[in-house]
Protein backbone atom coordinates (compact mmCIF):
# COMPACT_ATOMS: atom_id res chain seq x y z
CA MET A 1 -79.07 8.47 -26.60
CA PRO A 2 -82.90 8.20 -26.32
CA HIS A 3 -84.95 10.89 -27.98
CA LEU A 4 -88.11 12.49 -26.69
CA GLY A 5 -90.87 14.05 -28.80
CA GLY A 6 -89.79 17.00 -30.93
CA GLY A 7 -86.29 15.63 -31.55
CA VAL A 8 -84.95 16.59 -28.12
CA ALA A 9 -82.36 14.17 -26.78
CA ALA A 10 -82.89 13.15 -23.15
CA ALA A 11 -79.32 14.17 -22.31
CA GLU A 12 -80.09 17.74 -23.43
CA LEU A 13 -82.74 18.21 -20.75
CA GLU A 14 -81.70 19.70 -17.45
CA PRO A 15 -83.68 19.46 -14.23
CA VAL A 16 -85.32 22.75 -13.33
CA ALA A 17 -86.25 23.71 -9.80
CA ALA A 18 -89.51 25.61 -9.93
CA ALA A 19 -89.84 28.42 -7.45
CA ARG A 20 -93.28 28.68 -5.90
CA LYS A 21 -94.50 32.23 -5.78
CA SER A 22 -97.78 33.39 -4.34
CA LYS A 23 -99.88 35.71 -6.47
CA GLY A 24 -102.64 35.99 -3.88
CA SER A 25 -105.23 33.71 -2.43
CA ALA A 26 -107.57 31.44 -4.34
CA PHE A 27 -111.31 32.05 -4.41
CA ASN A 28 -114.29 29.78 -4.19
CA PRO A 29 -116.23 29.99 -7.50
CA SER A 30 -119.51 29.23 -5.75
CA SER A 31 -119.19 32.63 -4.07
CA PHE A 32 -119.87 34.21 -7.47
CA TYR A 33 -122.20 31.78 -9.26
CA SER A 34 -124.07 28.59 -8.67
CA TYR A 35 -123.36 25.45 -10.61
CA THR A 36 -124.64 21.90 -10.78
CA LEU A 37 -122.78 18.75 -11.72
CA HIS A 38 -124.41 16.93 -14.62
CA ASN A 39 -124.26 13.32 -15.70
CA ALA A 40 -121.46 13.01 -18.28
CA ALA A 41 -123.80 11.16 -20.66
CA ASP A 42 -126.08 14.24 -20.76
CA ILE A 43 -123.36 16.69 -21.83
CA PRO A 44 -123.47 16.12 -25.64
CA ALA A 45 -127.22 16.88 -25.74
CA MET A 46 -126.75 19.93 -23.51
CA LEU A 47 -124.07 21.27 -25.84
CA ARG A 48 -126.27 20.80 -28.90
CA THR A 49 -129.05 22.70 -27.13
CA HIS A 50 -127.12 25.52 -25.48
CA ALA A 51 -123.90 26.10 -27.44
CA GLY A 52 -123.55 28.45 -30.37
CA PRO A 53 -125.65 31.46 -31.39
CA GLN A 54 -128.72 31.99 -29.22
CA ALA A 55 -131.71 34.09 -30.32
CA SER A 56 -132.55 34.77 -26.68
CA ILE A 57 -129.36 36.84 -26.28
CA GLY A 58 -129.47 38.53 -29.68
CA LEU A 59 -126.98 36.36 -31.51
């Protein structure tokens, strides 16, 4: 019997039918704030500059 991660045997798994339930409608984030896509290569430098404690916001 093949085993999956965590020691669970494949035969022990049962198919589960997921019921789709609506919890309301989705929203468009751009309705609340603007955002810009950045080049992935620029992200590490942006994180070093903008992440962590910031004197400009009192931290």
